[in-house]
Amino acid sequence: MHKTLGTHNYYVYILTNKIKTVLYIGVTNNLNERLYYHQNPEAHSKAFTAKYKCSYLLYWEHFTDADIAIAREKEIKKWRREKKDKLISGFNPDWKFLNDKI
């Protein structure tokens, strides 16, 4: 079986709400588009991110292999909040919203 030539992009990302009390970890192949949907949740009003108003990007990792990205998302989701906070702080010490940085 052949893999398609070219670079594929996958992102594991962490969103929060305005007061930074809730974290959401996700994976996508188009971070800009996914952020748009998180910021405009009308069609997905029952989704976790809509319910908890998580649309502020704090963190992301880039991958070229979907399986590795999915495994990383699952790994981070299992972590305690303390460890997730350290991961974010290492990447984004001031916990600034990064939506306009991608």
PDB file of N, CA and C in Angstrom:
ATOM      1  N   MET A   1       0.844  -1.187   0.000  1.00  0.00           N
ATOM      2  CA  MET A   1       0.000   0.000   0.000  1.00  0.00           C
ATOM      3  C   MET A   1       0.882   1.242   0.000  1.00  0.00           C
ATOM      4  N   HIS A   2       0.578   2.197  -0.851  1.00  0.00           N
ATOM      5  CA  HIS A   2       1.380   3.411  -0.977  1.00  0.00           C
ATOM      6  C   HIS A   2       0.724   4.574  -0.263  1.00  0.00           C
ATOM      7  N   LYS A   3       1.563   5.340   0.400  1.00  0.00           N
ATOM      8  CA  LYS A   3       1.065   6.591   0.976  1.00  0.00           C
ATOM      9  C   LYS A   3       1.127   7.650  -0.107  1.00  0.00           C
ATOM     10  N   THR A   4       0.197   8.572  -0.080  1.00  0.00           N
ATOM     11  CA  THR A   4       0.178   9.652  -1.048  1.00  0.00           C
ATOM     12  C   THR A   4       1.390  10.548  -0.829  1.00  0.00           C
ATOM     13  N   LEU A   5       2.029  10.941  -1.913  1.00  0.00           N
ATOM     14  CA  LEU A   5       3.147  11.865  -1.796  1.00  0.00           C
ATOM     15  C   LEU A   5       2.633  13.236  -1.414  1.00  0.00           C
ATOM     16  N   GLY A   6       3.492  14.002  -0.765  1.00  0.00           N
ATOM     17  CA  GLY A   6       3.082  15.335  -0.327  1.00  0.00           C
ATOM     18  C   GLY A   6       2.952  15.364   1.185  1.00  0.00           C
ATOM     19  N   THR A   7       2.863  16.545   1.703  1.00  0.00           N
ATOM     20  CA  THR A   7       2.800  16.709   3.146  1.00  0.00           C
ATOM     21  C   THR A   7       1.347  16.829   3.594  1.00  0.00           C
ATOM     22  N   HIS A   8       1.031  16.078   4.589  1.00  0.00           N
ATOM     23  CA  HIS A   8      -0.285  16.187   5.212  1.00  0.00           C
ATOM     24  C   HIS A   8      -0.096  16.878   6.548  1.00  0.00           C
ATOM     25  N   ASN A   9      -1.066  17.657   6.925  1.00  0.00           N
ATOM     26  CA  ASN A   9      -0.974  18.397   8.177  1.00  0.00           C
ATOM     27  C   ASN A   9      -2.075  17.969   9.119  1.00  0.00           C
ATOM     28  N   TYR A  10      -1.673  17.697  10.340  1.00  0.00           N
ATOM     29  CA  TYR A  10      -2.598  17.329  11.406  1.00  0.00           C
ATOM     30  C   TYR A  10      -2.167  18.095  12.644  1.00  0.00           C
ATOM     31  N   TYR A  11      -3.149  18.518  13.417  1.00  0.00           N
ATOM     32  CA  TYR A  11      -2.865  19.323  14.591  1.00  0.00           C
ATOM     33  C   TYR A  11      -3.606  18.770  15.797  1.00  0.00           C
ATOM     34  N   VAL A  12      -2.888  18.656  16.899  1.00  0.00           N
ATOM     35  CA  VAL A  12      -3.509  18.426  18.203  1.00  0.00           C
ATOM     36  C   VAL A  12      -3.537  19.812  18.829  1.00  0.00           C
ATOM     37  N   TYR A  13      -4.690  20.192  19.363  1.00  0.00           N
ATOM     38  CA  TYR A  13      -4.827  21.555  19.867  1.00  0.00           C
ATOM     39  C   TYR A  13      -5.593  21.562  21.175  1.00  0.00           C
ATOM     40  N   ILE A  14      -5.382  22.631  21.938  1.00  0.00           N
ATOM     41  CA  ILE A  14      -6.093  22.811  23.203  1.00  0.00           C
ATOM     42  C   ILE A  14      -6.790  24.157  23.172  1.00  0.00           C
ATOM     43  N   LEU A  15      -8.089  24.108  23.456  1.00  0.00           N
ATOM     44  CA  LEU A  15      -8.918  25.313  23.561  1.00  0.00           C
ATOM     45  C   LEU A  15      -9.331  25.514  25.003  1.00  0.00           C
ATOM     46  N   THR A  16      -9.699  26.734  25.315  1.00  0.00           N
ATOM     47  CA  THR A  16     -10.236  27.040  26.630  1.00  0.00           C
ATOM     48  C   THR A  16     -11.391  28.022  26.481  1.00  0.00           C
ATOM     49  N   ASN A  17     -12.036  28.308  27.598  1.00  0.00           N
ATOM     50  CA  ASN A  17     -13.088  29.324  27.623  1.00  0.00           C
ATOM     51  C   ASN A  17     -12.457  30.670  28.009  1.00  0.00           C
ATOM     52  N   LYS A  18     -13.239  31.710  28.021  1.00  0.00           N
ATOM     53  CA  LYS A  18     -12.703  33.059  28.241  1.00  0.00           C
ATOM     54  C   LYS A  18     -11.985  33.196  29.580  1.00  0.00           C
ATOM     55  N   ILE A  19     -12.462  32.520  30.604  1.00  0.00           N
ATOM     56  CA  ILE A  19     -11.837  32.646  31.929  1.00  0.00           C
ATOM     57  C   ILE A  19     -10.873  31.494  32.231  1.00  0.00           C
ATOM     58  N   LYS A  20     -10.585  30.685  31.231  1.00  0.00           N
ATOM     59  CA  LYS A  20      -9.542  29.655  31.277  1.00  0.00           C
ATOM     60  C   LYS A  20      -9.763  28.579  32.347  1.00  0.00           C
ATOM     61  N   THR A  21     -11.012  28.220  32.563  1.00  0.00           N
ATOM     62  CA  THR A  21     -11.308  27.187  33.561  1.00  0.00           C
ATOM     63  C   THR A  21     -11.555  25.815  32.946  1.00  0.00           C
ATOM     64  N   VAL A  22     -11.848  25.768  31.638  1.00  0.00           N
ATOM     65  CA  VAL A  22     -12.159  24.516  30.955  1.00  0.00           C
ATOM     66  C   VAL A  22     -11.139  24.311  29.838  1.00  0.00           C
ATOM     67  N   LEU A  23     -10.684  23.060  29.675  1.00  0.00           N
ATOM     68  CA  LEU A  23      -9.784  22.744  28.569  1.00  0.00           C
ATOM     69  C   LEU A  23     -10.446  21.720  27.667  1.00  0.00           C
ATOM     70  N   TYR A  24     -10.246  21.887  26.373  1.00  0.00           N
ATOM     71  CA  TYR A  24     -10.722  20.936  25.377  1.00  0.00           C
ATOM     72  C   TYR A  24      -9.544  20.557  24.497  1.00  0.00           C
ATOM     73  N   ILE A  25      -9.329  19.268  24.330  1.00  0.00           N
ATOM     74  CA  ILE A  25      -8.254  18.773  23.468  1.00  0.00           C
ATOM     75  C   ILE A  25      -8.890  18.156  22.238  1.00  0.00           C
ATOM     76  N   GLY A  26      -8.395  18.551  21.068  1.00  0.00           N
ATOM     77  CA  GLY A  26      -8.932  18.023  19.823  1.00  0.00           C
ATOM     78  C   GLY A  26      -7.832  17.743  18.821  1.00  0.00           C
ATOM     79  N   VAL A  27      -8.218  17.126  17.699  1.00  0.00           N
ATOM     80  CA  VAL A  27      -7.298  16.862  16.600  1.00  0.00           C
ATOM     81  C   VAL A  27      -8.014  17.219  15.301  1.00  0.00           C
ATOM     82  N   THR A  28      -7.277  17.780  14.358  1.00  0.00           N
ATOM     83  CA  THR A  28      -7.864  18.202  13.089  1.00  0.00           C
ATOM     84  C   THR A  28      -6.806  18.207  12.000  1.00  0.00           C
ATOM     85  N   ASN A  29      -7.256  18.216  10.769  1.00  0.00           N
ATOM     86  CA  ASN A  29      -6.308  18.367   9.656  1.00  0.00           C
ATOM     87  C   ASN A  29      -6.344  19.795   9.102  1.00  0.00           C
ATOM     88  N   ASN A  30      -7.189  20.658   9.679  1.00  0.00           N
ATOM     89  CA  ASN A  30      -7.253  22.048   9.246  1.00  0.00           C
ATOM     90  C   ASN A  30      -7.583  22.911  10.466  1.00  0.00           C
ATOM     91  N   LEU A  31      -6.552  23.430  11.090  1.00  0.00           N
ATOM     92  CA  LEU A  31      -6.736  24.152  12.350  1.00  0.00           C
ATOM     93  C   LEU A  31      -7.532  25.438  12.170  1.00  0.00           C
ATOM     94  N   ASN A  32      -7.269  26.181  11.106  1.00  0.00           N
ATOM     95  CA  ASN A  32      -8.035  27.419  10.884  1.00  0.00           C
ATOM     96  C   ASN A  32      -9.526  27.148  10.734  1.00  0.00           C
ATOM     97  N   GLU A  33      -9.855  26.160   9.928  1.00  0.00           N
ATOM     98  CA  GLU A  33     -11.264  25.822   9.716  1.00  0.00           C
ATOM     99  C   GLU A  33     -11.911  25.324  11.002  1.00  0.00           C
ATOM    100  N   ARG A  34     -11.210  24.494  11.742  1.00  0.00           N
ATOM    101  CA  ARG A  34     -11.776  23.964  12.988  1.00  0.00           C
ATOM    102  C   ARG A  34     -12.003  25.078  13.997  1.00  0.00           C
ATOM    103  N   LEU A  35     -11.075  26.029  14.081  1.00  0.00           N
ATOM    104  CA  LEU A  35     -11.275  27.163  14.986  1.00  0.00           C
ATOM    105  C   LEU A  35     -12.504  27.959  14.601  1.00  0.00           C
ATOM    106  N   TYR A  36     -12.718  28.134  13.300  1.00  0.00           N
ATOM    107  CA  TYR A  36     -13.905  28.846  12.837  1.00  0.00           C
ATOM    108  C   TYR A  36     -15.169  28.161  13.367  1.00  0.00           C
ATOM    109  N   TYR A  37     -15.223  26.840  13.273  1.00  0.00           N
ATOM    110  CA  TYR A  37     -16.409  26.120  13.740  1.00  0.00           C
ATOM    111  C   TYR A  37     -16.571  26.203  15.255  1.00  0.00           C
ATOM    112  N   HIS A  38     -15.461  26.212  15.973  1.00  0.00           N
ATOM    113  CA  HIS A  38     -15.551  26.363  17.432  1.00  0.00           C
ATOM    114  C   HIS A  38     -16.028  27.773  17.801  1.00  0.00           C
ATOM    115  N   GLN A  39     -15.658  28.758  17.007  1.00  0.00           N
ATOM    116  CA  GLN A  39     -16.048  30.139  17.287  1.00  0.00           C
ATOM    117  C   GLN A  39     -17.468  30.458  16.808  1.00  0.00           C
ATOM    118  N   ASN A  40     -18.009  29.614  15.937  1.00  0.00           N
ATOM    119  CA  ASN A  40     -19.349  29.810  15.377  1.00  0.00           C
ATOM    120  C   ASN A  40     -20.141  28.509  15.522  1.00  0.00           C
ATOM    121  N   PRO A  41     -20.503  28.165  16.753  1.00  0.00           N
ATOM    122  CA  PRO A  41     -21.039  26.827  17.031  1.00  0.00           C
ATOM    123  C   PRO A  41     -22.535  26.631  16.801  1.00  0.00           C
ATOM    124  N   GLU A  42     -23.192  27.548  16.123  1.00  0.00           N
ATOM    125  CA  GLU A  42     -24.651  27.476  15.984  1.00  0.00           C
ATOM    126  C   GLU A  42     -25.146  26.088  15.566  1.00  0.00           C
ATOM    127  N   ALA A  43     -24.507  25.494  14.595  1.00  0.00           N
ATOM    128  CA  ALA A  43     -24.951  24.186  14.093  1.00  0.00           C
ATOM    129  C   ALA A  43     -24.584  23.038  15.030  1.00  0.00           C
ATOM    130  N   HIS A  44     -23.698  23.320  15.975  1.00  0.00           N
ATOM    131  CA  HIS A  44     -23.235  22.268  16.888  1.00  0.00           C
ATOM    132  C   HIS A  44     -23.474  22.685  18.338  1.00  0.00           C
ATOM    133  N   SER A  45     -24.647  23.205  18.617  1.00  0.00           N
ATOM    134  CA  SER A  45     -24.909  23.790  19.930  1.00  0.00           C
ATOM    135  C   SER A  45     -24.840  22.798  21.084  1.00  0.00           C
ATOM    136  N   LYS A  46     -24.900  21.503  20.789  1.00  0.00           N
ATOM    137  CA  LYS A  46     -24.816  20.504  21.862  1.00  0.00           C
ATOM    138  C   LYS A  46     -23.396  19.993  22.067  1.00  0.00           C
ATOM    139  N   ALA A  47     -22.469  20.454  21.249  1.00  0.00           N
ATOM    140  CA  ALA A  47     -21.080  20.019  21.365  1.00  0.00           C
ATOM    141  C   ALA A  47     -20.465  20.553  22.657  1.00  0.00           C
ATOM    142  N   PHE A  48     -19.480  19.830  23.179  1.00  0.00           N
ATOM    143  CA  PHE A  48     -18.790  20.224  24.409  1.00  0.00           C
ATOM    144  C   PHE A  48     -18.272  21.658  24.312  1.00  0.00           C
ATOM    145  N   THR A  49     -17.607  21.968  23.197  1.00  0.00           N
ATOM    146  CA  THR A  49     -17.004  23.300  23.071  1.00  0.00           C
ATOM    147  C   THR A  49     -18.053  24.406  23.025  1.00  0.00           C
ATOM    148  N   ALA A  50     -19.216  24.125  22.467  1.00  0.00           N
ATOM    149  CA  ALA A  50     -20.295  25.120  22.453  1.00  0.00           C
ATOM    150  C   ALA A  50     -20.879  25.279  23.850  1.00  0.00           C
ATOM    151  N   LYS A  51     -21.122  24.164  24.508  1.00  0.00           N
ATOM    152  CA  LYS A  51     -21.713  24.191  25.851  1.00  0.00           C
ATOM    153  C   LYS A  51     -20.835  24.961  26.834  1.00  0.00           C
ATOM    154  N   TYR A  52     -19.522  24.752  26.752  1.00  0.00           N
ATOM    155  CA  TYR A  52     -18.594  25.386  27.691  1.00  0.00           C
ATOM    156  C   TYR A  52     -17.882  26.607  27.109  1.00  0.00           C
ATOM    157  N   LYS A  53     -18.324  27.042  25.923  1.00  0.00           N
ATOM    158  CA  LYS A  53     -17.787  28.232  25.264  1.00  0.00           C
ATOM    159  C   LYS A  53     -16.270  28.183  25.102  1.00  0.00           C
ATOM    160  N   CYS A  54     -15.777  27.032  24.665  1.00  0.00           N
ATOM    161  CA  CYS A  54     -14.343  26.838  24.422  1.00  0.00           C
ATOM    162  C   CYS A  54     -14.038  27.167  22.967  1.00  0.00           C
ATOM    163  N   SER A  55     -13.478  28.324  22.743  1.00  0.00           N
ATOM    164  CA  SER A  55     -13.117  28.709  21.372  1.00  0.00           C
ATOM    165  C   SER A  55     -11.788  29.451  21.324  1.00  0.00           C
ATOM    166  N   TYR A  56     -11.080  29.473  22.442  1.00  0.00           N
ATOM    167  CA  TYR A  56      -9.832  30.212  22.533  1.00  0.00           C
ATOM    168  C   TYR A  56      -8.639  29.255  22.494  1.00  0.00           C
ATOM    169  N   LEU A  57      -7.821  29.399  21.468  1.00  0.00           N
ATOM    170  CA  LEU A  57      -6.680  28.518  21.261  1.00  0.00           C
ATOM    171  C   LEU A  57      -5.533  28.885  22.196  1.00  0.00           C
ATOM    172  N   LEU A  58      -5.049  27.870  22.933  1.00  0.00           N
ATOM    173  CA  LEU A  58      -3.910  28.070  23.830  1.00  0.00           C
ATOM    174  C   LEU A  58      -2.664  27.332  23.363  1.00  0.00           C
ATOM    175  N   TYR A  59      -2.843  26.265  22.593  1.00  0.00           N
ATOM    176  CA  TYR A  59      -1.740  25.342  22.337  1.00  0.00           C
ATOM    177  C   TYR A  59      -2.022  24.541  21.081  1.00  0.00           C
ATOM    178  N   TRP A  60      -0.955  24.199  20.360  1.00  0.00           N
ATOM    179  CA  TRP A  60      -1.091  23.241  19.263  1.00  0.00           C
ATOM    180  C   TRP A  60       0.229  22.546  19.002  1.00  0.00           C
ATOM    181  N   GLU A  61       0.132  21.368  18.437  1.00  0.00           N
ATOM    182  CA  GLU A  61       1.269  20.598  17.953  1.00  0.00           C
ATOM    183  C   GLU A  61       0.958  20.201  16.517  1.00  0.00           C
ATOM    184  N   HIS A  62       1.978  20.197  15.674  1.00  0.00           N
ATOM    185  CA  HIS A  62       1.808  19.851  14.268  1.00  0.00           C
ATOM    186  C   HIS A  62       2.370  18.462  13.997  1.00  0.00           C
ATOM    187  N   PHE A  63       1.668  17.682  13.192  1.00  0.00           N
ATOM    188  CA  PHE A  63       2.090  16.337  12.798  1.00  0.00           C
ATOM    189  C   PHE A  63       1.864  16.170  11.302  1.00  0.00           C
ATOM    190  N   THR A  64       2.585  15.235  10.694  1.00  0.00           N
ATOM    191  CA  THR A  64       2.353  14.902   9.289  1.00  0.00           C
ATOM    192  C   THR A  64       1.738  13.513   9.146  1.00  0.00           C
ATOM    193  N   ASP A  65       1.534  12.829  10.262  1.00  0.00           N
ATOM    194  CA  ASP A  65       0.953  11.490  10.264  1.00  0.00           C
ATOM    195  C   ASP A  65      -0.303  11.495  11.135  1.00  0.00           C
ATOM    196  N   ALA A  66      -1.432  11.149  10.545  1.00  0.00           N
ATOM    197  CA  ALA A  66      -2.714  11.187  11.269  1.00  0.00           C
ATOM    198  C   ALA A  66      -2.714  10.256  12.473  1.00  0.00           C
ATOM    199  N   ASP A  67      -2.168   9.062  12.324  1.00  0.00           N
ATOM    200  CA  ASP A  67      -2.178   8.102  13.430  1.00  0.00           C
ATOM    201  C   ASP A  67      -1.399   8.609  14.632  1.00  0.00           C
ATOM    202  N   ILE A  68      -0.276   9.260  14.367  1.00  0.00           N
ATOM    203  CA  ILE A  68       0.536   9.812  15.457  1.00  0.00           C
ATOM    204  C   ILE A  68      -0.210  10.960  16.133  1.00  0.00           C
ATOM    205  N   ALA A  69      -0.861  11.804  15.347  1.00  0.00           N
ATOM    206  CA  ALA A  69      -1.628  12.926  15.904  1.00  0.00           C
ATOM    207  C   ALA A  69      -2.771  12.421  16.786  1.00  0.00           C
ATOM    208  N   ILE A  70      -3.479  11.408  16.309  1.00  0.00           N
ATOM    209  CA  ILE A  70      -4.602  10.854  17.077  1.00  0.00           C
ATOM    210  C   ILE A  70      -4.106  10.217  18.369  1.00  0.00           C
ATOM    211  N   ALA A  71      -2.995   9.515  18.299  1.00  0.00           N
ATOM    212  CA  ALA A  71      -2.417   8.889  19.498  1.00  0.00           C
ATOM    213  C   ALA A  71      -2.014   9.966  20.509  1.00  0.00           C
ATOM    214  N   ARG A  72      -1.451  11.063  20.024  1.00  0.00           N
ATOM    215  CA  ARG A  72      -1.040  12.159  20.913  1.00  0.00           C
ATOM    216  C   ARG A  72      -2.260  12.822  21.558  1.00  0.00           C
ATOM    217  N   GLU A  73      -3.309  13.022  20.788  1.00  0.00           N
ATOM    218  CA  GLU A  73      -4.538  13.593  21.351  1.00  0.00           C
ATOM    219  C   GLU A  73      -5.055  12.702  22.486  1.00  0.00           C
ATOM    220  N   LYS A  74      -5.112  11.407  22.236  1.00  0.00           N
ATOM    221  CA  LYS A  74      -5.601  10.472  23.261  1.00  0.00           C
ATOM    222  C   LYS A  74      -4.714  10.488  24.498  1.00  0.00           C
ATOM    223  N   GLU A  75      -3.396  10.584  24.270  1.00  0.00           N
ATOM    224  CA  GLU A  75      -2.447  10.629  25.389  1.00  0.00           C
ATOM    225  C   GLU A  75      -2.710  11.851  26.268  1.00  0.00           C
ATOM    226  N   ILE A  76      -2.794  13.023  25.644  1.00  0.00           N
ATOM    227  CA  ILE A  76      -2.994  14.263  26.407  1.00  0.00           C
ATOM    228  C   ILE A  76      -4.339  14.253  27.128  1.00  0.00           C
ATOM    229  N   LYS A  77      -5.373  13.727  26.485  1.00  0.00           N
ATOM    230  CA  LYS A  77      -6.701  13.682  27.111  1.00  0.00           C
ATOM    231  C   LYS A  77      -6.694  12.886  28.416  1.00  0.00           C
ATOM    232  N   LYS A  78      -5.806  11.913  28.529  1.00  0.00           N
ATOM    233  CA  LYS A  78      -5.740  11.079  29.736  1.00  0.00           C
ATOM    234  C   LYS A  78      -5.018  11.768  30.895  1.00  0.00           C
ATOM    235  N   TRP A  79      -4.286  12.814  30.592  1.00  0.00           N
ATOM    236  CA  TRP A  79      -3.501  13.491  31.620  1.00  0.00           C
ATOM    237  C   TRP A  79      -4.382  14.212  32.624  1.00  0.00           C
ATOM    238  N   ARG A  80      -3.823  14.397  33.824  1.00  0.00           N
ATOM    239  CA  ARG A  80      -4.469  15.227  34.837  1.00  0.00           C
ATOM    240  C   ARG A  80      -4.337  16.693  34.408  1.00  0.00           C
ATOM    241  N   ARG A  81      -5.199  17.522  34.928  1.00  0.00           N
ATOM    242  CA  ARG A  81      -5.216  18.949  34.570  1.00  0.00           C
ATOM    243  C   ARG A  81      -3.849  19.604  34.810  1.00  0.00           C
ATOM    244  N   GLU A  82      -3.224  19.255  35.910  1.00  0.00           N
ATOM    245  CA  GLU A  82      -1.920  19.819  36.261  1.00  0.00           C
ATOM    246  C   GLU A  82      -0.893  19.621  35.136  1.00  0.00           C
ATOM    247  N   LYS A  83      -0.845  18.443  34.569  1.00  0.00           N
ATOM    248  CA  LYS A  83       0.108  18.125  33.508  1.00  0.00           C
ATOM    249  C   LYS A  83      -0.254  18.871  32.211  1.00  0.00           C
ATOM    250  N   LYS A  84      -1.543  18.986  31.925  1.00  0.00           N
ATOM    251  CA  LYS A  84      -1.985  19.755  30.759  1.00  0.00           C
ATOM    252  C   LYS A  84      -1.597  21.227  30.922  1.00  0.00           C
ATOM    253  N   ASP A  85      -1.774  21.755  32.124  1.00  0.00           N
ATOM    254  CA  ASP A  85      -1.411  23.147  32.397  1.00  0.00           C
ATOM    255  C   ASP A  85       0.080  23.376  32.151  1.00  0.00           C
ATOM    256  N   LYS A  86       0.917  22.421  32.571  1.00  0.00           N
ATOM    257  CA  LYS A  86       2.369  22.542  32.361  1.00  0.00           C
ATOM    258  C   LYS A  86       2.710  22.505  30.878  1.00  0.00           C
ATOM    259  N   LEU A  87       2.034  21.654  30.122  1.00  0.00           N
ATOM    260  CA  LEU A  87       2.256  21.565  28.682  1.00  0.00           C
ATOM    261  C   LEU A  87       1.944  22.913  28.023  1.00  0.00           C
ATOM    262  N   ILE A  88       0.798  23.476  28.367  1.00  0.00           N
ATOM    263  CA  ILE A  88       0.394  24.774  27.811  1.00  0.00           C
ATOM    264  C   ILE A  88       1.397  25.851  28.213  1.00  0.00           C
ATOM    265  N   SER A  89       1.778  25.886  29.481  1.00  0.00           N
ATOM    266  CA  SER A  89       2.695  26.922  29.977  1.00  0.00           C
ATOM    267  C   SER A  89       4.067  26.853  29.317  1.00  0.00           C
ATOM    268  N   GLY A  90       4.515  25.649  28.963  1.00  0.00           N
ATOM    269  CA  GLY A  90       5.793  25.506  28.276  1.00  0.00           C
ATOM    270  C   GLY A  90       5.754  26.072  26.861  1.00  0.00           C
ATOM    271  N   PHE A  91       4.597  26.043  26.246  1.00  0.00           N
ATOM    272  CA  PHE A  91       4.392  26.508  24.868  1.00  0.00           C
ATOM    273  C   PHE A  91       3.942  27.968  24.838  1.00  0.00           C
ATOM    274  N   ASN A  92       3.144  28.345  25.823  1.00  0.00           N
ATOM    275  CA  ASN A  92       2.466  29.641  25.849  1.00  0.00           C
ATOM    276  C   ASN A  92       2.437  30.114  27.304  1.00  0.00           C
ATOM    277  N   PRO A  93       3.582  30.606  27.819  1.00  0.00           N
ATOM    278  CA  PRO A  93       3.715  30.918  29.247  1.00  0.00           C
ATOM    279  C   PRO A  93       2.652  31.850  29.821  1.00  0.00           C
ATOM    280  N   ASP A  94       2.181  32.794  29.018  1.00  0.00           N
ATOM    281  CA  ASP A  94       1.181  33.761  29.509  1.00  0.00           C
ATOM    282  C   ASP A  94      -0.250  33.336  29.229  1.00  0.00           C
ATOM    283  N   TRP A  95      -0.425  32.153  28.662  1.00  0.00           N
ATOM    284  CA  TRP A  95      -1.749  31.636  28.323  1.00  0.00           C
ATOM    285  C   TRP A  95      -2.523  32.649  27.478  1.00  0.00           C
ATOM    286  N   LYS A  96      -1.833  33.254  26.527  1.00  0.00           N
ATOM    287  CA  LYS A  96      -2.505  34.197  25.608  1.00  0.00           C
ATOM    288  C   LYS A  96      -3.345  33.405  24.618  1.00  0.00           C
ATOM    289  N   PHE A  97      -4.422  34.004  24.167  1.00  0.00           N
ATOM    290  CA  PHE A  97      -5.250  33.391  23.150  1.00  0.00           C
ATOM    291  C   PHE A  97      -4.522  33.526  21.813  1.00  0.00           C
ATOM    292  N   LEU A  98      -4.326  32.428  21.129  1.00  0.00           N
ATOM    293  CA  LEU A  98      -3.491  32.373  19.929  1.00  0.00           C
ATOM    294  C   LEU A  98      -4.275  32.259  18.638  1.00  0.00           C
ATOM    295  N   ASN A  99      -5.567  32.468  18.682  1.00  0.00           N
ATOM    296  CA  ASN A  99      -6.410  32.293  17.491  1.00  0.00           C
ATOM    297  C   ASN A  99      -5.906  33.080  16.292  1.00  0.00           C
ATOM    298  N   ASP A 100      -5.376  34.277  16.514  1.00  0.00           N
ATOM    299  CA  ASP A 100      -4.925  35.105  15.405  1.00  0.00           C
ATOM    300  C   ASP A 100      -3.467  34.851  15.030  1.00  0.00           C
ATOM    301  N   LYS A 101      -2.844  33.838  15.640  1.00  0.00           N
ATOM    302  CA  LYS A 101      -1.432  33.542  15.371  1.00  0.00           C
ATOM    303  C   LYS A 101      -1.238  32.398  14.394  1.00  0.00           C
ATOM    304  N   ILE A 102      -2.323  31.825  13.909  1.00  0.00           N
ATOM    305  CA  ILE A 102      -2.179  30.690  12.977  1.00  0.00           C
ATOM    306  C   ILE A 102      -2.663  31.057  11.592  1.00  0.00           C
TER     307      ILE A 102
END
